[in-house]
Amino acid sequence: MSKASLLVVVVVAMLCADQAYAQGWQALLPGLISQLTSLWSRGKLQFLDSECSYRQRPTIYRWQLYYKANFVCPGIGNIRGYCKTRSRSKAINCAIEDFLKQAISAGIVTEEKAATWLGQQGG
């Protein structure tokens, strides 16, 4: 059973629990809340001499856990990188790749500049 499936089972079990078990659930609640809130992330990073921001959040699609990520750089153009994937660790990088593809297509960023930045990041 994957972590995502286990998480869904735990949440459903909590919602269905009787009042008699409430004290037992109260002991588990802080850890569960910590795990749930760690699924969301947002931040900023330097990208091609501009300050950019990213946001990642979980979503349920066809009863499976996915991650949606957005990446924007106001200093580079009116482009928004987007990705929806099952992998939490790859969601932001996928959104950055989408942003780069759009920026290259629009002529805002050269392929060489994008490759240089990706090489510096280890990607």
N, C-alpha and C. Protein backbone atom coordinates (compact mmCIF):
# COMPACT_ATOMS: atom_id res chain seq x y z
N MET A 1 0.85 -1.17 0.00
CA MET A 1 0.00 0.00 0.00
C MET A 1 0.90 1.23 0.00
N SER A 2 0.65 2.17 -0.88
CA SER A 2 1.46 3.38 -0.97
C SER A 2 1.14 4.32 0.19
N LYS A 3 2.01 5.29 0.41
CA LYS A 3 1.79 6.27 1.48
C LYS A 3 0.51 7.05 1.24
N ALA A 4 0.25 7.38 -0.02
CA ALA A 4 -0.95 8.14 -0.35
C ALA A 4 -2.21 7.35 -0.02
N SER A 5 -2.21 6.06 -0.35
CA SER A 5 -3.36 5.22 -0.06
C SER A 5 -3.55 5.07 1.44
N LEU A 6 -2.45 4.92 2.14
CA LEU A 6 -2.51 4.80 3.59
C LEU A 6 -3.06 6.08 4.21
N LEU A 7 -2.64 7.22 3.69
CA LEU A 7 -3.13 8.50 4.19
C LEU A 7 -4.64 8.61 4.01
N VAL A 8 -5.14 8.23 2.85
CA VAL A 8 -6.58 8.29 2.59
C VAL A 8 -7.33 7.36 3.54
N VAL A 9 -6.80 6.17 3.78
CA VAL A 9 -7.43 5.21 4.69
C VAL A 9 -7.48 5.79 6.10
N VAL A 10 -6.40 6.40 6.55
CA VAL A 10 -6.36 6.97 7.90
C VAL A 10 -7.36 8.11 8.04
N VAL A 11 -7.43 9.00 7.05
CA VAL A 11 -8.36 10.12 7.11
C VAL A 11 -9.80 9.63 7.13
N VAL A 12 -10.13 8.67 6.29
CA VAL A 12 -11.49 8.11 6.27
C VAL A 12 -11.81 7.43 7.59
N ALA A 13 -10.85 6.70 8.15
CA ALA A 13 -11.06 6.02 9.43
C ALA A 13 -11.32 7.05 10.54
N MET A 14 -10.59 8.16 10.49
CA MET A 14 -10.80 9.21 11.50
C MET A 14 -12.21 9.78 11.41
N LEU A 15 -12.67 10.00 10.20
CA LEU A 15 -13.99 10.59 10.02
C LEU A 15 -15.11 9.65 10.46
N CYS A 16 -14.84 8.36 10.41
CA CYS A 16 -15.87 7.38 10.76
C CYS A 16 -15.78 6.90 12.20
N ALA A 17 -14.82 7.37 12.95
CA ALA A 17 -14.60 6.88 14.31
C ALA A 17 -15.75 7.29 15.23
N ASP A 18 -16.06 6.41 16.17
CA ASP A 18 -17.08 6.71 17.18
C ASP A 18 -16.53 7.71 18.19
N GLN A 19 -17.41 8.36 18.92
CA GLN A 19 -17.01 9.31 19.94
C GLN A 19 -16.21 8.61 21.05
N ALA A 20 -16.46 7.32 21.27
CA ALA A 20 -15.75 6.57 22.31
C ALA A 20 -14.25 6.50 22.03
N TYR A 21 -13.87 6.56 20.78
CA TYR A 21 -12.46 6.48 20.41
C TYR A 21 -11.81 7.86 20.27
N ALA A 22 -12.54 8.91 20.58
CA ALA A 22 -12.05 10.27 20.35
C ALA A 22 -10.74 10.55 21.07
N GLN A 23 -10.61 10.08 22.32
CA GLN A 23 -9.38 10.35 23.06
C GLN A 23 -8.18 9.66 22.41
N GLY A 24 -8.35 8.47 21.87
CA GLY A 24 -7.26 7.78 21.18
C GLY A 24 -6.83 8.53 19.93
N TRP A 25 -7.80 9.09 19.22
CA TRP A 25 -7.49 9.84 18.01
C TRP A 25 -6.80 11.15 18.34
N GLN A 26 -7.12 11.73 19.49
CA GLN A 26 -6.49 12.98 19.88
C GLN A 26 -4.98 12.82 20.03
N ALA A 27 -4.53 11.64 20.43
CA ALA A 27 -3.09 11.39 20.55
C ALA A 27 -2.43 11.31 19.18
N LEU A 28 -3.16 10.82 18.18
CA LEU A 28 -2.61 10.69 16.83
C LEU A 28 -2.71 11.96 16.01
N LEU A 29 -3.61 12.84 16.39
CA LEU A 29 -3.92 14.02 15.59
C LEU A 29 -2.72 14.93 15.31
N PRO A 30 -1.88 15.28 16.29
CA PRO A 30 -0.75 16.17 15.97
C PRO A 30 0.18 15.62 14.89
N GLY A 31 0.51 14.35 14.94
CA GLY A 31 1.36 13.73 13.93
C GLY A 31 0.70 13.70 12.57
N LEU A 32 -0.58 13.41 12.55
CA LEU A 32 -1.32 13.36 11.30
C LEU A 32 -1.41 14.75 10.67
N ILE A 33 -1.68 15.76 11.48
CA ILE A 33 -1.74 17.12 10.96
C ILE A 33 -0.39 17.55 10.41
N SER A 34 0.67 17.19 11.10
CA SER A 34 2.02 17.51 10.62
C SER A 34 2.28 16.87 9.26
N GLN A 35 1.90 15.61 9.10
CA GLN A 35 2.08 14.92 7.83
C GLN A 35 1.25 15.56 6.72
N LEU A 36 0.03 15.94 7.03
CA LEU A 36 -0.85 16.54 6.03
C LEU A 36 -0.34 17.91 5.59
N THR A 37 0.07 18.75 6.54
CA THR A 37 0.52 20.09 6.17
C THR A 37 1.84 20.06 5.41
N SER A 38 2.63 19.01 5.57
CA SER A 38 3.90 18.93 4.83
C SER A 38 3.68 18.66 3.34
N LEU A 39 2.46 18.32 2.94
CA LEU A 39 2.17 18.06 1.53
C LEU A 39 2.13 19.35 0.72
N TRP A 40 1.88 20.49 1.37
CA TRP A 40 1.86 21.80 0.72
C TRP A 40 3.22 22.46 0.86
N SER A 41 3.64 23.16 -0.17
CA SER A 41 4.88 23.94 -0.04
C SER A 41 4.82 25.14 -0.98
N ARG A 42 5.51 26.17 -0.59
CA ARG A 42 5.66 27.36 -1.42
C ARG A 42 6.97 28.01 -1.04
N GLY A 43 7.53 28.74 -2.00
CA GLY A 43 8.79 29.40 -1.73
C GLY A 43 9.25 30.25 -2.89
N LYS A 44 10.43 30.80 -2.73
CA LYS A 44 11.02 31.66 -3.76
C LYS A 44 12.41 31.14 -4.07
N LEU A 45 12.86 31.42 -5.31
CA LEU A 45 14.22 31.07 -5.70
C LEU A 45 14.71 32.01 -6.78
N GLN A 46 16.02 32.16 -6.87
CA GLN A 46 16.63 32.97 -7.92
C GLN A 46 16.67 32.14 -9.19
N PHE A 47 16.15 32.70 -10.26
CA PHE A 47 16.05 31.98 -11.52
C PHE A 47 16.37 32.94 -12.65
N LEU A 48 17.48 32.73 -13.33
CA LEU A 48 17.90 33.58 -14.44
C LEU A 48 17.87 35.07 -14.05
N ASP A 49 18.49 35.39 -12.94
CA ASP A 49 18.61 36.77 -12.43
C ASP A 49 17.27 37.40 -12.04
N SER A 50 16.27 36.61 -11.77
CA SER A 50 14.97 37.12 -11.32
C SER A 50 14.53 36.32 -10.10
N GLU A 51 13.74 36.97 -9.25
CA GLU A 51 13.18 36.25 -8.12
C GLU A 51 11.86 35.64 -8.55
N CYS A 52 11.78 34.35 -8.43
CA CYS A 52 10.60 33.61 -8.89
C CYS A 52 9.97 32.90 -7.69
N SER A 53 8.74 32.47 -7.87
CA SER A 53 8.06 31.76 -6.79
C SER A 53 7.43 30.48 -7.31
N TYR A 54 7.32 29.52 -6.41
CA TYR A 54 6.69 28.25 -6.74
C TYR A 54 5.67 27.91 -5.65
N ARG A 55 4.73 27.07 -6.04
CA ARG A 55 3.71 26.60 -5.11
C ARG A 55 3.39 25.16 -5.48
N GLN A 56 3.29 24.32 -4.48
CA GLN A 56 2.95 22.92 -4.69
C GLN A 56 1.85 22.54 -3.72
N ARG A 57 0.88 21.78 -4.23
CA ARG A 57 -0.22 21.35 -3.36
C ARG A 57 -0.70 19.97 -3.80
N PRO A 58 -1.24 19.22 -2.87
CA PRO A 58 -1.78 17.91 -3.23
C PRO A 58 -3.19 18.04 -3.78
N THR A 59 -3.58 17.06 -4.55
CA THR A 59 -4.94 16.99 -5.06
C THR A 59 -5.31 15.52 -5.26
N ILE A 60 -6.56 15.23 -5.17
CA ILE A 60 -7.03 13.87 -5.41
C ILE A 60 -7.66 13.83 -6.80
N TYR A 61 -7.22 12.89 -7.61
CA TYR A 61 -7.75 12.70 -8.95
C TYR A 61 -7.98 11.21 -9.16
N ARG A 62 -9.20 10.84 -9.43
CA ARG A 62 -9.58 9.43 -9.60
C ARG A 62 -9.10 8.58 -8.43
N TRP A 63 -9.33 9.09 -7.23
CA TRP A 63 -9.02 8.41 -5.97
C TRP A 63 -7.53 8.17 -5.76
N GLN A 64 -6.70 8.95 -6.42
CA GLN A 64 -5.26 8.83 -6.23
C GLN A 64 -4.68 10.20 -5.91
N LEU A 65 -3.61 10.21 -5.13
CA LEU A 65 -2.96 11.45 -4.74
C LEU A 65 -2.01 11.93 -5.82
N TYR A 66 -2.19 13.19 -6.23
CA TYR A 66 -1.33 13.85 -7.20
C TYR A 66 -0.82 15.14 -6.58
N TYR A 67 0.18 15.71 -7.20
CA TYR A 67 0.71 17.00 -6.78
C TYR A 67 0.64 17.96 -7.96
N LYS A 68 0.11 19.15 -7.70
CA LYS A 68 0.09 20.21 -8.70
C LYS A 68 1.12 21.24 -8.28
N ALA A 69 1.90 21.71 -9.24
CA ALA A 69 2.90 22.73 -8.95
C ALA A 69 2.80 23.85 -9.97
N ASN A 70 3.01 25.08 -9.52
CA ASN A 70 3.05 26.26 -10.37
C ASN A 70 4.38 26.96 -10.15
N PHE A 71 4.90 27.56 -11.21
CA PHE A 71 6.15 28.31 -11.14
C PHE A 71 5.99 29.58 -11.95
N VAL A 72 6.23 30.75 -11.32
CA VAL A 72 6.10 32.03 -12.01
C VAL A 72 7.31 32.92 -11.72
N CYS A 73 7.66 33.71 -12.72
CA CYS A 73 8.75 34.69 -12.62
C CYS A 73 8.24 36.01 -13.19
N PRO A 74 7.74 36.90 -12.35
CA PRO A 74 7.22 38.17 -12.85
C PRO A 74 8.25 38.98 -13.64
N GLY A 75 9.52 38.85 -13.32
CA GLY A 75 10.56 39.61 -14.02
C GLY A 75 10.91 39.06 -15.38
N ILE A 76 10.47 37.86 -15.70
CA ILE A 76 10.83 37.23 -16.98
C ILE A 76 9.70 37.35 -18.00
N GLY A 77 8.48 37.34 -17.57
CA GLY A 77 7.37 37.44 -18.51
C GLY A 77 6.09 36.94 -17.89
N ASN A 78 5.03 37.00 -18.64
CA ASN A 78 3.72 36.58 -18.17
C ASN A 78 3.51 35.10 -18.48
N ILE A 79 4.39 34.28 -17.94
CA ILE A 79 4.34 32.83 -18.19
C ILE A 79 4.18 32.12 -16.85
N ARG A 80 3.39 31.06 -16.86
CA ARG A 80 3.20 30.25 -15.65
C ARG A 80 3.50 28.79 -16.00
N GLY A 81 4.53 28.26 -15.36
CA GLY A 81 4.84 26.84 -15.53
C GLY A 81 3.89 26.02 -14.68
N TYR A 82 3.42 24.91 -15.18
CA TYR A 82 2.44 24.09 -14.48
C TYR A 82 2.78 22.62 -14.64
N CYS A 83 2.51 21.85 -13.62
CA CYS A 83 2.71 20.41 -13.71
C CYS A 83 1.77 19.70 -12.75
N LYS A 84 1.30 18.55 -13.15
CA LYS A 84 0.49 17.67 -12.30
C LYS A 84 1.11 16.29 -12.42
N THR A 85 1.58 15.76 -11.29
CA THR A 85 2.28 14.49 -11.32
C THR A 85 2.01 13.71 -10.03
N ARG A 86 2.29 12.43 -10.05
CA ARG A 86 2.13 11.60 -8.85
C ARG A 86 3.32 11.76 -7.91
N SER A 87 4.42 12.29 -8.42
CA SER A 87 5.65 12.38 -7.63
C SER A 87 5.76 13.72 -6.92
N ARG A 88 5.77 13.69 -5.62
CA ARG A 88 5.92 14.91 -4.83
C ARG A 88 7.27 15.56 -5.08
N SER A 89 8.31 14.75 -5.18
CA SER A 89 9.67 15.28 -5.33
C SER A 89 9.93 15.86 -6.72
N LYS A 90 9.15 15.50 -7.72
CA LYS A 90 9.38 15.97 -9.08
C LYS A 90 8.44 17.08 -9.52
N ALA A 91 7.44 17.40 -8.74
CA ALA A 91 6.40 18.34 -9.17
C ALA A 91 6.95 19.73 -9.48
N ILE A 92 7.76 20.28 -8.60
CA ILE A 92 8.27 21.63 -8.81
C ILE A 92 9.23 21.67 -9.99
N ASN A 93 10.13 20.69 -10.09
CA ASN A 93 11.06 20.65 -11.22
C ASN A 93 10.31 20.52 -12.54
N CYS A 94 9.24 19.76 -12.55
CA CYS A 94 8.42 19.60 -13.76
C CYS A 94 7.77 20.94 -14.14
N ALA A 95 7.32 21.71 -13.15
CA ALA A 95 6.73 23.03 -13.42
C ALA A 95 7.79 23.99 -13.96
N ILE A 96 9.02 23.91 -13.44
CA ILE A 96 10.11 24.75 -13.95
C ILE A 96 10.42 24.39 -15.39
N GLU A 97 10.46 23.10 -15.70
CA GLU A 97 10.69 22.66 -17.08
C GLU A 97 9.60 23.19 -18.01
N ASP A 98 8.34 23.14 -17.57
CA ASP A 98 7.24 23.66 -18.37
C ASP A 98 7.41 25.15 -18.59
N PHE A 99 7.80 25.88 -17.54
CA PHE A 99 8.05 27.32 -17.66
C PHE A 99 9.14 27.58 -18.69
N LEU A 100 10.24 26.83 -18.61
CA LEU A 100 11.34 27.02 -19.55
C LEU A 100 10.92 26.75 -21.00
N LYS A 101 10.16 25.70 -21.21
CA LYS A 101 9.69 25.38 -22.57
C LYS A 101 8.86 26.54 -23.14
N GLN A 102 7.98 27.10 -22.31
CA GLN A 102 7.15 28.22 -22.76
C GLN A 102 8.00 29.47 -23.02
N ALA A 103 8.97 29.72 -22.12
CA ALA A 103 9.82 30.91 -22.27
C ALA A 103 10.70 30.79 -23.52
N ILE A 104 11.19 29.60 -23.81
CA ILE A 104 12.00 29.39 -25.02
C ILE A 104 11.13 29.56 -26.26
N SER A 105 9.93 28.99 -26.24
CA SER A 105 9.01 29.13 -27.39
C SER A 105 8.63 30.58 -27.65
N ALA A 106 8.51 31.36 -26.58
CA ALA A 106 8.15 32.77 -26.72
C ALA A 106 9.36 33.65 -27.06
N GLY A 107 10.54 33.07 -27.05
CA GLY A 107 11.75 33.83 -27.36
C GLY A 107 12.25 34.69 -26.22
N ILE A 108 11.75 34.48 -25.02
CA ILE A 108 12.14 35.26 -23.85
C ILE A 108 13.48 34.77 -23.29
N VAL A 109 13.68 33.46 -23.35
CA VAL A 109 14.90 32.83 -22.84
C VAL A 109 15.50 31.98 -23.96
N THR A 110 16.82 32.01 -24.07
CA THR A 110 17.48 31.17 -25.07
C THR A 110 17.69 29.77 -24.50
N GLU A 111 17.80 28.79 -25.38
CA GLU A 111 18.06 27.42 -24.94
C GLU A 111 19.38 27.33 -24.19
N GLU A 112 20.38 28.10 -24.63
CA GLU A 112 21.69 28.08 -23.99
C GLU A 112 21.61 28.58 -22.55
N LYS A 113 20.87 29.68 -22.35
CA LYS A 113 20.73 30.24 -21.00
C LYS A 113 19.98 29.27 -20.09
N ALA A 114 18.96 28.64 -20.62
CA ALA A 114 18.20 27.66 -19.85
C ALA A 114 19.07 26.45 -19.51
N ALA A 115 19.84 25.98 -20.47
CA ALA A 115 20.73 24.82 -20.23
C ALA A 115 21.78 25.16 -19.20
N THR A 116 22.30 26.38 -19.25
CA THR A 116 23.31 26.81 -18.28
C THR A 116 22.71 26.81 -16.87
N TRP A 117 21.49 27.36 -16.72
CA TRP A 117 20.86 27.39 -15.41
C TRP A 117 20.58 25.99 -14.91
N LEU A 118 20.06 25.12 -15.78
CA LEU A 118 19.77 23.74 -15.39
C LEU A 118 21.06 23.01 -14.98
N GLY A 119 22.15 23.27 -15.69
CA GLY A 119 23.42 22.64 -15.34
C GLY A 119 23.93 23.08 -13.99
N GLN A 120 23.70 24.34 -13.62
CA GLN A 120 24.11 24.85 -12.31
C GLN A 120 23.29 24.23 -11.20
N GLN A 121 22.06 23.85 -11.50
CA GLN A 121 21.18 23.27 -10.49
C GLN A 121 21.33 21.76 -10.38
N GLY A 122 22.14 21.16 -11.26
CA GLY A 122 22.30 19.71 -11.24
C GLY A 122 21.21 18.99 -11.99
N GLY A 123 20.43 19.68 -12.80
CA GLY A 123 19.31 19.07 -13.52
C GLY A 123 19.60 18.85 -14.88
